């Protein structure tokens, strides 16, 4: 794939109904890492939920991914997790409730039985800022190997332990699958506390490098979803972060997110 042709848009106005849009999304995921839904018009909040549930359920099993920040991140058994600004939560206590820029990560770095694809849709976008940014993992590793080859070798060759509450995942940050596809698993904040000092140093170095290099790189795709719009992405194949935004009141920015274990479809190679 050439730069950024791992991305496509699906226009809701070009599909007769939710079933047709769901079929188009299923087909798009065989060819693209990231799908952006646009032209989703004339739906209230309940209508958006029905549409995105229909689309996501066509892809496979929609998981119960919601975590309760106020209970330390424990799973609640609910399907949808709110990504909203909350004025009552200290600004850096939880990025999902913060207006600060969110660092680069994959969503399921610490999840033992992770979803393949993440889905998110927008109810309310901030007046300024709030774009979600994506980079394909091959571009991340390629840049890192060029600029920091020793760090790249550590992240490819050594097993890292990520954890949160009762969830654990152990693997290298970059993994080349038997079919040749490259995957990535990373969240700076969930590196297990028992990890070695060398791995903590590598975690910090990689975090700092991504914060410094990825946002303005040509390989970075920025998507600022408007109300009604949504995205699907293969979580192990595209890393993402978020721009800071302007907000004063709780829910000035509000998105819903969930995860899907996809049936009968594999992430496209590059």
C-alpha atoms as a PDB file:
ATOM      1  CA  UNK A   1       0.000   0.000   0.000  1.00  0.00           C
ATOM      2  CA  UNK A   2       1.089   3.547  -0.675  1.00  0.00           C
ATOM      3  CA  UNK A   3       0.990   6.117   2.130  1.00  0.00           C
ATOM      4  CA  UNK A   4      -2.509   6.574   3.594  1.00  0.00           C
ATOM      5  CA  UNK A   5      -4.307   4.214   1.208  1.00  0.00           C
ATOM      6  CA  UNK A   6      -5.065   2.059   4.255  1.00  0.00           C
ATOM      7  CA  UNK A   7      -7.937   4.511   4.847  1.00  0.00           C
ATOM      8  CA  UNK A   8     -11.371   4.980   3.244  1.00  0.00           C
ATOM      9  CA  UNK A   9     -14.674   6.795   3.776  1.00  0.00           C
ATOM     10  CA  UNK A  10     -18.185   5.345   3.622  1.00  0.00           C
ATOM     11  CA  UNK A  11     -20.954   7.841   2.889  1.00  0.00           C
ATOM     12  CA  UNK A  12     -24.256   6.949   4.549  1.00  0.00           C
ATOM     13  CA  UNK A  13     -26.166   8.836   1.854  1.00  0.00           C
ATOM     14  CA  UNK A  14     -24.930   6.350  -0.743  1.00  0.00           C
ATOM     15  CA  UNK A  15     -26.480   3.299   0.963  1.00  0.00           C
ATOM     16  CA  UNK A  16     -30.170   2.443   1.013  1.00  0.00           C
ATOM     17  CA  UNK A  17     -30.399   1.427   4.667  1.00  0.00           C
ATOM     18  CA  UNK A  18     -28.418   0.313   7.695  1.00  0.00           C
ATOM     19  CA  UNK A  19     -28.064  -3.237   6.354  1.00  0.00           C
ATOM     20  CA  UNK A  20     -26.501  -1.959   3.148  1.00  0.00           C
ATOM     21  CA  UNK A  21     -24.122   0.271   5.102  1.00  0.00           C
ATOM     22  CA  UNK A  22     -23.194  -2.673   7.342  1.00  0.00           C
ATOM     23  CA  UNK A  23     -22.375  -4.816   4.298  1.00  0.00           C
ATOM     24  CA  UNK A  24     -20.244  -2.021   2.864  1.00  0.00           C
ATOM     25  CA  UNK A  25     -18.378  -1.673   6.169  1.00  0.00           C
ATOM     26  CA  UNK A  26     -17.742  -5.419   6.305  1.00  0.00           C
ATOM     27  CA  UNK A  27     -16.299  -5.360   2.792  1.00  0.00           C
ATOM     28  CA  UNK A  28     -14.256  -2.218   3.467  1.00  0.00           C
ATOM     29  CA  UNK A  29     -12.502  -3.846   6.424  1.00  0.00           C
ATOM     30  CA  UNK A  30     -11.067  -6.489   4.096  1.00  0.00           C
ATOM     31  CA  UNK A  31      -9.197  -3.745   2.209  1.00  0.00           C
ATOM     32  CA  UNK A  32      -8.624  -0.919   4.677  1.00  0.00           C
ATOM     33  CA  UNK A  33      -7.239  -0.474   8.189  1.00  0.00           C
ATOM     34  CA  UNK A  34      -9.452   2.545   8.961  1.00  0.00           C
ATOM     35  CA  UNK A  35     -13.027   3.272   7.824  1.00  0.00           C
ATOM     36  CA  UNK A  36     -14.583   6.717   8.374  1.00  0.00           C
ATOM     37  CA  UNK A  37     -18.386   6.976   8.245  1.00  0.00           C
ATOM     38  CA  UNK A  38     -19.615  10.306   6.860  1.00  0.00           C
ATOM     39  CA  UNK A  39     -22.964  11.630   5.624  1.00  0.00           C
ATOM     40  CA  UNK A  40     -24.870  10.157   8.570  1.00  0.00           C
ATOM     41  CA  UNK A  41     -27.849  12.512   8.655  1.00  0.00           C
ATOM     42  CA  UNK A  42     -31.289  12.894  10.198  1.00  0.00           C
ATOM     43  CA  UNK A  43     -30.779  10.642  13.232  1.00  0.00           C
ATOM     44  CA  UNK A  44     -31.261  11.432  16.879  1.00  0.00           C
ATOM     45  CA  UNK A  45     -29.123   9.856  19.609  1.00  0.00           C
ATOM     46  CA  UNK A  46     -31.234   6.688  19.744  1.00  0.00           C
ATOM     47  CA  UNK A  47     -31.174   6.405  15.959  1.00  0.00           C
ATOM     48  CA  UNK A  48     -27.400   6.680  15.859  1.00  0.00           C
ATOM     49  CA  UNK A  49     -27.073   3.943  18.469  1.00  0.00           C
ATOM     50  CA  UNK A  50     -29.374   1.631  16.461  1.00  0.00           C
ATOM     51  CA  UNK A  51     -27.445   2.283  13.262  1.00  0.00           C
ATOM     52  CA  UNK A  52     -23.970   1.723  14.695  1.00  0.00           C
ATOM     53  CA  UNK A  53     -25.083  -1.359  16.607  1.00  0.00           C
ATOM     54  CA  UNK A  54     -26.482  -2.808  13.365  1.00  0.00           C
ATOM     55  CA  UNK A  55     -23.264  -2.025  11.499  1.00  0.00           C
ATOM     56  CA  UNK A  56     -20.944  -3.332  14.208  1.00  0.00           C
ATOM     57  CA  UNK A  57     -22.968  -6.496  14.884  1.00  0.00           C
ATOM     58  CA  UNK A  58     -22.676  -7.383  11.186  1.00  0.00           C
ATOM     59  CA  UNK A  59     -18.906  -7.536  11.643  1.00  0.00           C
ATOM     60  CA  UNK A  60     -18.830 -10.098  14.446  1.00  0.00           C
ATOM     61  CA  UNK A  61     -19.162 -10.214  18.226  1.00  0.00           C
ATOM     62  CA  UNK A  62     -19.468  -6.809  19.892  1.00  0.00           C
ATOM     63  CA  UNK A  63     -17.737  -7.014  23.266  1.00  0.00           C
ATOM     64  CA  UNK A  64     -18.581  -5.508  26.644  1.00  0.00           C
ATOM     65  CA  UNK A  65     -15.653  -3.092  26.904  1.00  0.00           C
ATOM     66  CA  UNK A  66     -16.883  -0.380  29.265  1.00  0.00           C
ATOM     67  CA  UNK A  67     -14.608   0.430  32.197  1.00  0.00           C
ATOM     68  CA  UNK A  68     -15.630   2.534  35.201  1.00  0.00           C
ATOM     69  CA  UNK A  69     -12.992   5.168  35.895  1.00  0.00           C
ATOM     70  CA  UNK A  70     -14.391   5.920  39.340  1.00  0.00           C
ATOM     71  CA  UNK A  71     -13.934   2.255  40.336  1.00  0.00           C
ATOM     72  CA  UNK A  72     -10.355   2.064  39.139  1.00  0.00           C
ATOM     73  CA  UNK A  73     -11.093   0.888  35.605  1.00  0.00           C
ATOM     74  CA  UNK A  74     -13.016  -2.293  36.404  1.00  0.00           C
ATOM     75  CA  UNK A  75     -15.183  -3.757  33.625  1.00  0.00           C
ATOM     76  CA  UNK A  76     -18.902  -3.071  34.072  1.00  0.00           C
ATOM     77  CA  UNK A  77     -20.344  -5.638  31.648  1.00  0.00           C
ATOM     78  CA  UNK A  78     -21.651  -2.906  29.332  1.00  0.00           C
ATOM     79  CA  UNK A  79     -20.980  -2.730  25.612  1.00  0.00           C
ATOM     80  CA  UNK A  80     -20.330   0.991  25.090  1.00  0.00           C
ATOM     81  CA  UNK A  81     -17.696   3.119  26.823  1.00  0.00           C
ATOM     82  CA  UNK A  82     -18.122   6.883  26.937  1.00  0.00           C
ATOM     83  CA  UNK A  83     -15.270   9.076  25.676  1.00  0.00           C
ATOM     84  CA  UNK A  84     -16.404  12.407  27.055  1.00  0.00           C
ATOM     85  CA  UNK A  85     -15.043  15.516  28.658  1.00  0.00           C
ATOM     86  CA  UNK A  86     -15.943  15.495  32.356  1.00  0.00           C
ATOM     87  CA  UNK A  87     -15.367  18.773  34.183  1.00  0.00           C
ATOM     88  CA  UNK A  88     -15.429  17.029  37.592  1.00  0.00           C
ATOM     89  CA  UNK A  89     -12.529  14.667  36.829  1.00  0.00           C
ATOM     90  CA  UNK A  90      -9.019  16.167  37.167  1.00  0.00           C
ATOM     91  CA  UNK A  91      -7.717  16.893  33.694  1.00  0.00           C
ATOM     92  CA  UNK A  92      -4.882  14.360  33.627  1.00  0.00           C
ATOM     93  CA  UNK A  93      -6.542  11.684  35.782  1.00  0.00           C
ATOM     94  CA  UNK A  94      -8.121   9.934  32.772  1.00  0.00           C
ATOM     95  CA  UNK A  95      -7.488  10.871  29.157  1.00  0.00           C
ATOM     96  CA  UNK A  96     -10.892   9.621  28.069  1.00  0.00           C
ATOM     97  CA  UNK A  97     -12.461  12.325  30.261  1.00  0.00           C
ATOM     98  CA  UNK A  98      -9.791  14.971  29.631  1.00  0.00           C
ATOM     99  CA  UNK A  99      -9.445  17.813  27.124  1.00  0.00           C
ATOM    100  CA  UNK A 100      -5.672  17.297  26.930  1.00  0.00           C
ATOM    101  CA  UNK A 101      -4.016  15.683  23.949  1.00  0.00           C
ATOM    102  CA  UNK A 102      -4.051  11.898  24.342  1.00  0.00           C
ATOM    103  CA  UNK A 103      -0.742  10.129  23.685  1.00  0.00           C
ATOM    104  CA  UNK A 104      -0.298   7.430  21.046  1.00  0.00           C
ATOM    105  CA  UNK A 105      -1.540   3.948  21.980  1.00  0.00           C
ATOM    106  CA  UNK A 106      -3.453   0.853  20.981  1.00  0.00           C
ATOM    107  CA  UNK A 107      -6.681   0.366  22.883  1.00  0.00           C
ATOM    108  CA  UNK A 108      -6.260  -3.262  23.958  1.00  0.00           C
ATOM    109  CA  UNK A 109      -2.612  -3.292  25.029  1.00  0.00           C
ATOM    110  CA  UNK A 110      -3.454  -4.911  28.380  1.00  0.00           C
ATOM    111  CA  UNK A 111      -6.476  -7.010  27.323  1.00  0.00           C
ATOM    112  CA  UNK A 112      -5.962 -10.784  27.347  1.00  0.00           C
ATOM    113  CA  UNK A 113      -8.849 -11.506  24.945  1.00  0.00           C
ATOM    114  CA  UNK A 114      -8.782  -8.361  22.836  1.00  0.00           C
ATOM    115  CA  UNK A 115     -11.153  -7.144  20.136  1.00  0.00           C
ATOM    116  CA  UNK A 116      -9.818  -7.078  16.591  1.00  0.00           C
ATOM    117  CA  UNK A 117     -11.512  -3.853  15.581  1.00  0.00           C
ATOM    118  CA  UNK A 118     -12.485  -0.780  17.569  1.00  0.00           C
ATOM    119  CA  UNK A 119     -15.559   1.263  16.650  1.00  0.00           C
ATOM    120  CA  UNK A 120     -16.375   4.786  17.749  1.00  0.00           C
ATOM    121  CA  UNK A 121     -18.978   7.397  16.846  1.00  0.00           C
ATOM    122  CA  UNK A 122     -19.487  11.046  17.683  1.00  0.00           C
ATOM    123  CA  UNK A 123     -22.444  12.621  19.464  1.00  0.00           C
ATOM    124  CA  UNK A 124     -20.829  16.007  20.096  1.00  0.00           C
ATOM    125  CA  UNK A 125     -17.522  17.387  18.862  1.00  0.00           C
ATOM    126  CA  UNK A 126     -15.594  20.140  20.619  1.00  0.00           C
ATOM    127  CA  UNK A 127     -15.817  23.644  19.187  1.00  0.00           C
ATOM    128  CA  UNK A 128     -12.074  23.557  18.587  1.00  0.00           C
ATOM    129  CA  UNK A 129      -9.632  20.632  18.383  1.00  0.00           C
ATOM    130  CA  UNK A 130     -10.388  17.020  19.298  1.00  0.00           C
ATOM    131  CA  UNK A 131      -9.251  15.276  16.111  1.00  0.00           C
ATOM    132  CA  UNK A 132      -8.287  11.597  16.389  1.00  0.00           C
ATOM    133  CA  UNK A 133      -4.963  10.839  14.703  1.00  0.00           C
ATOM    134  CA  UNK A 134      -3.906   7.524  13.172  1.00  0.00           C
ATOM    135  CA  UNK A 135      -0.633   6.054  11.879  1.00  0.00           C
ATOM    136  CA  UNK A 136      -0.178   2.597  10.353  1.00  0.00           C
ATOM    137  CA  UNK A 137       2.162   0.474  12.443  1.00  0.00           C
ATOM    138  CA  UNK A 138       4.549  -0.205   9.521  1.00  0.00           C
ATOM    139  CA  UNK A 139       5.180   3.526   9.297  1.00  0.00           C
ATOM    140  CA  UNK A 140       5.792   3.759  13.043  1.00  0.00           C
ATOM    141  CA  UNK A 141       8.358   0.954  12.986  1.00  0.00           C
ATOM    142  CA  UNK A 142       9.966   2.144   9.764  1.00  0.00           C
ATOM    143  CA  UNK A 143      10.554   5.611  11.173  1.00  0.00           C
ATOM    144  CA  UNK A 144      11.778   4.198  14.481  1.00  0.00           C
ATOM    145  CA  UNK A 145      14.231   1.815  12.821  1.00  0.00           C
ATOM    146  CA  UNK A 146      15.641   4.707  10.801  1.00  0.00           C
ATOM    147  CA  UNK A 147      16.041   7.043  13.762  1.00  0.00           C
ATOM    148  CA  UNK A 148      16.393   4.788  16.847  1.00  0.00           C
ATOM    149  CA  UNK A 149      17.449   1.306  15.656  1.00  0.00           C
ATOM    150  CA  UNK A 150      18.518   0.026  19.088  1.00  0.00           C
ATOM    151  CA  UNK A 151      15.171   0.959  20.620  1.00  0.00           C
ATOM    152  CA  UNK A 152      13.333  -0.623  17.680  1.00  0.00           C
ATOM    153  CA  UNK A 153      15.252  -3.876  18.210  1.00  0.00           C
ATOM    154  CA  UNK A 154      14.261  -3.984  21.889  1.00  0.00           C
ATOM    155  CA  UNK A 155      10.581  -3.364  21.121  1.00  0.00           C
ATOM    156  CA  UNK A 156      10.595  -6.078  18.438  1.00  0.00           C
ATOM    157  CA  UNK A 157      12.709  -8.636  20.227  1.00  0.00           C
ATOM    158  CA  UNK A 158      11.692  -8.557  23.887  1.00  0.00           C
ATOM    159  CA  UNK A 159       8.415  -9.395  25.636  1.00  0.00           C
ATOM    160  CA  UNK A 160       6.681  -6.536  27.455  1.00  0.00           C
ATOM    161  CA  UNK A 161       4.026  -6.994  30.144  1.00  0.00           C
ATOM    162  CA  UNK A 162       1.022  -4.642  30.044  1.00  0.00           C
ATOM    163  CA  UNK A 163      -1.703  -4.844  32.692  1.00  0.00           C
ATOM    164  CA  UNK A 164      -4.724  -3.082  34.177  1.00  0.00           C
ATOM    165  CA  UNK A 165      -6.846  -4.248  37.107  1.00  0.00           C
ATOM    166  CA  UNK A 166      -7.135  -8.027  36.421  1.00  0.00           C
ATOM    167  CA  UNK A 167      -6.188  -7.941  32.732  1.00  0.00           C
ATOM    168  CA  UNK A 168      -2.719  -8.882  31.420  1.00  0.00           C
ATOM    169  CA  UNK A 169      -1.059  -9.138  28.021  1.00  0.00           C
ATOM    170  CA  UNK A 170       2.540 -10.180  27.362  1.00  0.00           C
ATOM    171  CA  UNK A 171       4.214  -9.846  23.954  1.00  0.00           C
ATOM    172  CA  UNK A 172       6.726  -7.672  22.115  1.00  0.00           C
ATOM    173  CA  UNK A 173       5.454  -4.224  21.191  1.00  0.00           C
ATOM    174  CA  UNK A 174       5.965  -5.082  17.504  1.00  0.00           C
ATOM    175  CA  UNK A 175       5.138  -8.593  16.289  1.00  0.00           C
ATOM    176  CA  UNK A 176       5.563  -9.923  12.754  1.00  0.00           C
ATOM    177  CA  UNK A 177       2.889 -12.570  12.210  1.00  0.00           C
ATOM    178  CA  UNK A 178       3.581 -15.786  10.235  1.00  0.00           C
ATOM    179  CA  UNK A 179       1.777 -14.316   7.206  1.00  0.00           C
ATOM    180  CA  UNK A 180       4.153 -11.333   7.260  1.00  0.00           C
ATOM    181  CA  UNK A 181       1.732  -8.747   8.646  1.00  0.00           C
ATOM    182  CA  UNK A 182       3.144  -6.437  11.314  1.00  0.00           C
ATOM    183  CA  UNK A 183       1.145  -5.738  14.477  1.00  0.00           C
ATOM    184  CA  UNK A 184       1.692  -3.419  17.419  1.00  0.00           C
ATOM    185  CA  UNK A 185       0.571  -3.524  21.061  1.00  0.00           C
ATOM    186  CA  UNK A 186       1.334  -0.525  23.246  1.00  0.00           C
ATOM    187  CA  UNK A 187       0.065   1.726  26.030  1.00  0.00           C
ATOM    188  CA  UNK A 188       2.661   3.679  27.983  1.00  0.00           C
ATOM    189  CA  UNK A 189       0.456   3.974  31.055  1.00  0.00           C
ATOM    190  CA  UNK A 190      -0.300   0.263  31.417  1.00  0.00           C
ATOM    191  CA  UNK A 191       3.237  -1.143  31.461  1.00  0.00           C
ATOM    192  CA  UNK A 192       3.168  -3.483  34.453  1.00  0.00           C
ATOM    193  CA  UNK A 193       4.836  -2.115  37.597  1.00  0.00           C
ATOM    194  CA  UNK A 194       6.920  -5.294  37.929  1.00  0.00           C
ATOM    195  CA  UNK A 195       8.699  -4.701  34.615  1.00  0.00           C
ATOM    196  CA  UNK A 196      12.483  -4.319  34.563  1.00  0.00           C
ATOM    197  CA  UNK A 197      14.163  -0.950  34.714  1.00  0.00           C
ATOM    198  CA  UNK A 198      15.427  -1.540  31.181  1.00  0.00           C
ATOM    199  CA  UNK A 199      11.878  -2.044  29.913  1.00  0.00           C
ATOM    200  CA  UNK A 200      10.652   0.996  31.831  1.00  0.00           C
ATOM    201  CA  UNK A 201      13.389   3.035  30.179  1.00  0.00           C
ATOM    202  CA  UNK A 202      12.468   1.667  26.734  1.00  0.00           C
ATOM    203  CA  UNK A 203       8.808   2.447  27.405  1.00  0.00           C
ATOM    204  CA  UNK A 204       9.699   6.041  28.287  1.00  0.00           C
ATOM    205  CA  UNK A 205      11.992   6.448  25.288  1.00  0.00           C
ATOM    206  CA  UNK A 206       9.372   5.119  22.866  1.00  0.00           C
ATOM    207  CA  UNK A 207       6.663   7.317  24.377  1.00  0.00           C
ATOM    208  CA  UNK A 208       8.855  10.403  24.086  1.00  0.00           C
ATOM    209  CA  UNK A 209       9.844   9.578  20.502  1.00  0.00           C
ATOM    210  CA  UNK A 210       6.236   9.096  19.365  1.00  0.00           C
ATOM    211  CA  UNK A 211       5.106  12.310  21.047  1.00  0.00           C
ATOM    212  CA  UNK A 212       7.895  14.160  19.301  1.00  0.00           C
ATOM    213  CA  UNK A 213       7.705  12.581  15.848  1.00  0.00           C
ATOM    214  CA  UNK A 214       4.316  11.160  14.847  1.00  0.00           C
ATOM    215  CA  UNK A 215       1.737  13.955  14.956  1.00  0.00           C
ATOM    216  CA  UNK A 216       3.351  16.038  12.201  1.00  0.00           C
ATOM    217  CA  UNK A 217       4.672  13.110  10.159  1.00  0.00           C
ATOM    218  CA  UNK A 218       3.383  12.693   6.574  1.00  0.00           C
ATOM    219  CA  UNK A 219       2.153   9.230   7.587  1.00  0.00           C
ATOM    220  CA  UNK A 220      -0.281  10.683  10.162  1.00  0.00           C
ATOM    221  CA  UNK A 221      -3.961  10.829   9.201  1.00  0.00           C
ATOM    222  CA  UNK A 222      -6.155  13.186  11.232  1.00  0.00           C
ATOM    223  CA  UNK A 223      -9.933  12.595  11.513  1.00  0.00           C
ATOM    224  CA  UNK A 224     -12.093  15.158  13.310  1.00  0.00           C
ATOM    225  CA  UNK A 225     -15.454  13.403  13.510  1.00  0.00           C
ATOM    226  CA  UNK A 226     -18.545  15.557  13.380  1.00  0.00           C
ATOM    227  CA  UNK A 227     -21.819  14.559  15.108  1.00  0.00           C
ATOM    228  CA  UNK A 228     -23.137  11.343  13.585  1.00  0.00           C
ATOM    229  CA  UNK A 229     -19.820  10.343  12.050  1.00  0.00           C
ATOM    230  CA  UNK A 230     -17.905   7.273  13.182  1.00  0.00           C
ATOM    231  CA  UNK A 231     -14.754   5.253  12.611  1.00  0.00           C
ATOM    232  CA  UNK A 232     -13.710   1.602  12.594  1.00  0.00           C
ATOM    233  CA  UNK A 233     -10.058   0.582  12.838  1.00  0.00           C
ATOM    234  CA  UNK A 234      -7.969  -2.565  13.221  1.00  0.00           C
ATOM    235  CA  UNK A 235      -6.502  -1.915  16.661  1.00  0.00           C
ATOM    236  CA  UNK A 236      -3.251  -3.901  16.307  1.00  0.00           C
ATOM    237  CA  UNK A 237      -2.516  -2.445  12.865  1.00  0.00           C
ATOM    238  CA  UNK A 238      -3.106   1.297  13.409  1.00  0.00           C
ATOM    239  CA  UNK A 239      -1.924   3.304  16.404  1.00  0.00           C
ATOM    240  CA  UNK A 240      -3.917   6.364  17.434  1.00  0.00           C
ATOM    241  CA  UNK A 241      -3.958   9.432  19.662  1.00  0.00           C
ATOM    242  CA  UNK A 242      -6.020  12.612  20.036  1.00  0.00           C
ATOM    243  CA  UNK A 243      -5.473  16.338  19.742  1.00  0.00           C
ATOM    244  CA  UNK A 244      -6.269  18.602  22.680  1.00  0.00           C
ATOM    245  CA  UNK A 245      -9.587  20.425  22.499  1.00  0.00           C
ATOM    246  CA  UNK A 246     -11.490  23.327  24.012  1.00  0.00           C
ATOM    247  CA  UNK A 247     -14.163  22.411  26.577  1.00  0.00           C
ATOM    248  CA  UNK A 248     -15.662  24.047  29.646  1.00  0.00           C
ATOM    249  CA  UNK A 249     -18.736  21.961  30.501  1.00  0.00           C
ATOM    250  CA  UNK A 250     -19.122  18.217  30.993  1.00  0.00           C
ATOM    251  CA  UNK A 251     -20.020  16.528  27.672  1.00  0.00           C
ATOM    252  CA  UNK A 252     -18.837  19.452  25.515  1.00  0.00           C
ATOM    253  CA  UNK A 253     -17.206  16.605  23.567  1.00  0.00           C
ATOM    254  CA  UNK A 254     -18.846  13.159  23.639  1.00  0.00           C
ATOM    255  CA  UNK A 255     -18.137   9.968  21.695  1.00  0.00           C
ATOM    256  CA  UNK A 256     -19.134   6.317  22.242  1.00  0.00           C
ATOM    257  CA  UNK A 257     -16.701   3.437  21.651  1.00  0.00           C
ATOM    258  CA  UNK A 258     -16.781  -0.356  21.656  1.00  0.00           C
ATOM    259  CA  UNK A 259     -14.744  -3.312  20.385  1.00  0.00           C
ATOM    260  CA  UNK A 260     -15.534  -6.129  17.956  1.00  0.00           C
ATOM    261  CA  UNK A 261     -14.089  -9.593  17.454  1.00  0.00           C
ATOM    262  CA  UNK A 262     -14.474  -9.861  13.704  1.00  0.00           C
ATOM    263  CA  UNK A 263     -15.760 -13.008  11.979  1.00  0.00           C
ATOM    264  CA  UNK A 264     -14.424 -14.142   8.631  1.00  0.00           C
ATOM    265  CA  UNK A 265     -12.281 -11.096   7.883  1.00  0.00           C
ATOM    266  CA  UNK A 266      -8.559 -10.462   8.380  1.00  0.00           C
ATOM    267  CA  UNK A 267      -6.789  -7.131   8.511  1.00  0.00           C
ATOM    268  CA  UNK A 268      -5.372  -6.152   5.107  1.00  0.00           C
ATOM    269  CA  UNK A 269      -1.637  -6.453   4.562  1.00  0.00           C
ATOM    270  CA  UNK A 270       0.583  -3.641   3.377  1.00  0.00           C
END
